Amino acid sequence: AYWESSMTATQIANGQADSFLKTWASEMKAYGQPIIFAPLDEMNGNWAAYYGNPTAYKAAWIHIHSLFAGDSNVKFAFDPNNGPTNTIASYYPGAQYVDIVGVDGFDFGGQTFAQVFDSAFATVAQFGKPLWITSTGVVNTDNQQKFVSDMAAAVPTFHIQGIIYFSQSPFVLGSAALS
């Protein structure tokens, strides 16, 4: 489950989304099955309302995490965009608040898998958490087979434990957990 908010990180840290989040936490707990929750993803991209203040972002993340403290079935995924990678570490809220580290990245035209992900993987590997590709796909389907083949080859290299893949025309969510 993703939660992309139009609120700033400061607003979230100050509790302005608590009513919604407490309801969602209760519903996730009642569901009882494993859930991967990626709140405030792609925080290192200027399109996110919670971008630009890593200190406030970490406070918002920790606040959200506290609202789900009793939900043992919910795992938290820290989910930056593949670029810019130079700010990813400044947004990381800390190992005690993150169960999975994911990276979002897409081939928007003739890029290789390595061009899309290698720099981000090098950055997030330092966190020592299970690694996922939390959102990927290929816009130009001419390159799709090569991109997916390279992605499959990268699984053992980077110890990738899961992939969420959006297929083109239109993007359709698909996912796979890897053993």
Protein backbone atom coordinates (compact mmCIF):
# COMPACT_ATOMS: atom_id res chain seq x y z
CA ALA A 1 0.00 0.00 0.00
CA TYR A 2 1.27 3.46 -0.89
CA TRP A 3 0.31 6.75 0.65
CA GLU A 4 1.26 9.86 -1.28
CA SER A 5 0.00 12.92 0.54
CA SER A 6 -0.59 16.46 -0.64
CA MET A 7 0.40 17.61 2.85
CA THR A 8 3.87 18.78 3.75
CA ALA A 9 6.05 16.68 6.01
CA THR A 10 5.63 19.25 8.79
CA GLN A 11 1.84 19.03 8.58
CA ILE A 12 1.99 15.24 8.78
CA ALA A 13 4.48 15.27 11.68
CA ASN A 14 2.14 17.67 13.50
CA GLY A 15 -0.75 15.20 13.22
CA GLN A 16 -2.89 16.80 10.52
CA ALA A 17 -3.37 13.41 8.79
CA ASP A 18 -3.88 11.40 12.00
CA SER A 19 -7.59 10.77 11.58
CA PHE A 20 -7.07 9.17 8.17
CA LEU A 21 -3.92 7.30 9.22
CA LYS A 22 -5.45 5.91 12.42
CA THR A 23 -8.41 4.59 10.43
CA TRP A 24 -6.09 3.04 7.88
CA ALA A 25 -3.92 1.51 10.62
CA SER A 26 -7.00 -0.03 12.21
CA GLU A 27 -8.16 -1.43 8.86
CA MET A 28 -4.72 -2.86 8.07
CA LYS A 29 -4.52 -4.50 11.49
CA ALA A 30 -8.02 -5.98 11.09
CA TYR A 31 -7.05 -7.34 7.67
CA GLY A 32 -4.50 -9.51 9.46
CA GLN A 33 -2.50 -10.49 6.37
CA PRO A 34 0.98 -9.19 5.52
CA ILE A 35 1.00 -5.65 4.13
CA ILE A 36 3.92 -3.65 2.84
CA PHE A 37 3.21 0.00 3.51
CA ALA A 38 5.19 2.68 1.67
CA PRO A 39 4.14 6.04 3.05
CA LEU A 40 5.44 9.23 1.47
CA ASP A 41 7.31 7.53 -1.36
CA GLU A 42 9.65 9.30 -3.78
CA MET A 43 10.43 11.91 -1.13
CA ASN A 44 13.62 12.85 -2.93
CA GLY A 45 11.69 14.13 -5.96
CA ASN A 46 10.52 17.73 -6.15
CA TRP A 47 7.05 16.60 -7.29
CA ALA A 48 6.25 15.34 -3.76
CA ALA A 49 4.62 17.78 -1.32
CA TYR A 50 6.87 16.40 1.43
CA TYR A 51 10.10 17.01 -0.53
CA GLY A 52 12.77 19.49 0.48
CA ASN A 53 13.02 19.14 4.25
CA PRO A 54 14.63 15.83 5.25
CA THR A 55 14.39 16.63 8.98
CA ALA A 56 10.63 17.21 8.75
CA TYR A 57 10.26 14.16 6.50
CA LYS A 58 11.95 11.91 9.09
CA ALA A 59 9.73 13.35 11.83
CA ALA A 60 6.64 12.68 9.67
CA TRP A 61 7.78 9.10 8.96
CA ILE A 62 8.43 8.37 12.64
CA HIS A 63 5.03 9.85 13.53
CA ILE A 64 3.28 7.67 10.94
CA HIS A 65 5.20 4.63 12.14
CA SER A 66 4.04 5.26 15.71
CA LEU A 67 0.39 5.16 14.59
CA PHE A 68 0.90 1.63 13.22
CA ALA A 69 2.92 0.34 16.20
CA GLY A 70 0.37 -2.36 17.08
CA ASP A 71 0.08 -3.66 13.53
CA SER A 72 2.53 -6.57 13.45
CA ASN A 73 1.34 -7.51 9.95
CA VAL A 74 2.43 -4.14 8.50
CA LYS A 75 5.99 -3.76 7.22
CA PHE A 76 7.26 -0.27 6.39
CA ALA A 77 9.01 0.32 3.06
CA PHE A 78 11.26 3.33 2.58
CA ASP A 79 10.82 4.08 -1.12
CA PRO A 80 12.93 6.79 -2.79
CA ASN A 81 13.04 7.54 -6.50
CA ASN A 82 16.14 6.41 -8.40
CA GLY A 83 17.26 10.00 -8.84
CA PRO A 84 18.58 12.18 -7.46
CA THR A 85 20.49 9.72 -5.32
CA ASN A 86 22.59 12.31 -3.49
CA THR A 87 19.72 13.15 -1.13
CA ILE A 88 18.36 9.65 -0.37
CA ALA A 89 20.41 9.08 2.80
CA SER A 90 19.35 12.43 4.27
CA TYR A 91 15.70 11.27 4.18
CA TYR A 92 16.29 7.83 5.71
CA PRO A 93 14.38 7.77 9.04
CA GLY A 94 16.47 5.07 10.70
CA ALA A 95 16.69 1.28 10.79
CA GLN A 96 14.21 0.93 13.68
CA TYR A 97 11.47 2.50 11.50
CA VAL A 98 12.14 0.72 8.20
CA ASP A 99 11.64 -2.95 7.33
CA ILE A 100 12.25 -2.84 3.58
CA VAL A 101 14.11 -0.45 1.30
CA GLY A 102 12.71 -0.02 -2.17
CA VAL A 103 13.67 2.03 -5.19
CA ASP A 104 11.35 3.39 -7.88
CA GLY A 105 12.73 3.79 -11.39
CA PHE A 106 11.47 3.58 -14.95
CA ASP A 107 13.02 3.31 -18.38
CA PHE A 108 11.52 6.33 -20.09
CA GLY A 109 13.35 5.70 -23.35
CA GLY A 110 16.18 3.35 -24.21
CA GLN A 111 17.82 3.18 -20.80
CA THR A 112 19.41 0.03 -19.48
CA PHE A 113 18.45 -1.48 -16.17
CA ALA A 114 21.88 -0.50 -14.82
CA GLN A 115 21.41 3.13 -15.89
CA VAL A 116 18.08 3.28 -14.09
CA PHE A 117 19.00 1.50 -10.85
CA ASP A 118 22.73 0.99 -10.15
CA SER A 119 23.41 4.36 -8.51
CA ALA A 120 20.31 4.14 -6.31
CA PHE A 121 21.11 0.55 -5.30
CA ALA A 122 24.62 1.60 -4.28
CA THR A 123 23.07 4.29 -2.09
CA VAL A 124 20.33 2.23 -0.42
CA ALA A 125 22.51 -0.85 0.13
CA GLN A 126 24.16 1.02 3.00
CA PHE A 127 20.93 0.76 5.02
CA GLY A 128 21.27 -3.03 5.39
CA LYS A 129 17.59 -3.78 4.78
CA PRO A 130 15.89 -6.18 2.35
CA LEU A 131 15.91 -4.56 -1.07
CA TRP A 132 12.93 -4.31 -3.42
CA ILE A 133 12.23 -2.61 -6.68
CA THR A 134 9.04 -0.97 -5.52
CA SER A 135 7.98 0.49 -8.84
CA THR A 136 9.40 -0.02 -12.32
CA GLY A 137 8.42 -0.40 -15.93
CA VAL A 138 9.38 0.40 -19.49
CA VAL A 139 7.61 3.11 -21.46
CA ASN A 140 9.08 2.14 -24.84
CA THR A 141 8.10 -1.49 -25.23
CA ASP A 142 10.86 -1.99 -27.84
CA ASN A 143 13.30 -2.12 -24.93
CA GLN A 144 11.04 -4.05 -22.53
CA GLN A 145 12.42 -7.56 -23.09
CA LYS A 146 16.06 -6.46 -22.59
CA PHE A 147 15.19 -4.36 -19.54
CA VAL A 148 13.27 -7.22 -17.89
CA SER A 149 16.03 -9.73 -18.72
CA ASP A 150 18.63 -7.42 -17.17
CA MET A 151 16.37 -6.95 -14.15
CA ALA A 152 16.13 -10.72 -13.68
CA ALA A 153 19.92 -11.00 -13.90
CA ALA A 154 20.30 -8.27 -11.25
CA VAL A 155 18.15 -10.11 -8.70
CA PRO A 156 20.98 -12.28 -7.30
CA THR A 157 23.61 -9.54 -7.71
CA PHE A 158 21.73 -7.04 -5.57
CA HIS A 159 19.82 -9.61 -3.47
CA ILE A 160 16.50 -8.14 -4.65
CA GLN A 161 13.66 -9.76 -2.72
CA GLY A 162 10.67 -8.35 -4.57
CA ILE A 163 9.65 -6.42 -7.67
CA ILE A 164 6.54 -4.39 -8.47
CA TYR A 165 6.36 -3.99 -12.24
CA PHE A 166 4.03 -1.72 -14.19
CA SER A 167 3.42 -2.92 -17.74
CA GLN A 168 2.90 -0.48 -20.59
CA SER A 169 -0.29 0.40 -22.51
CA PRO A 170 -1.71 1.16 -20.03
CA PHE A 171 0.45 0.67 -16.96
CA VAL A 172 -1.00 -2.33 -15.13
CA LEU A 173 0.29 -3.29 -11.72
CA GLY A 174 1.93 -6.67 -11.38
CA SER A 175 4.12 -7.96 -8.59
CA ALA A 176 6.29 -10.86 -7.66
CA ALA A 177 7.96 -11.89 -4.42
CA LEU A 178 11.30 -13.53 -4.97
CA SER A 179 12.80 -16.25 -2.83
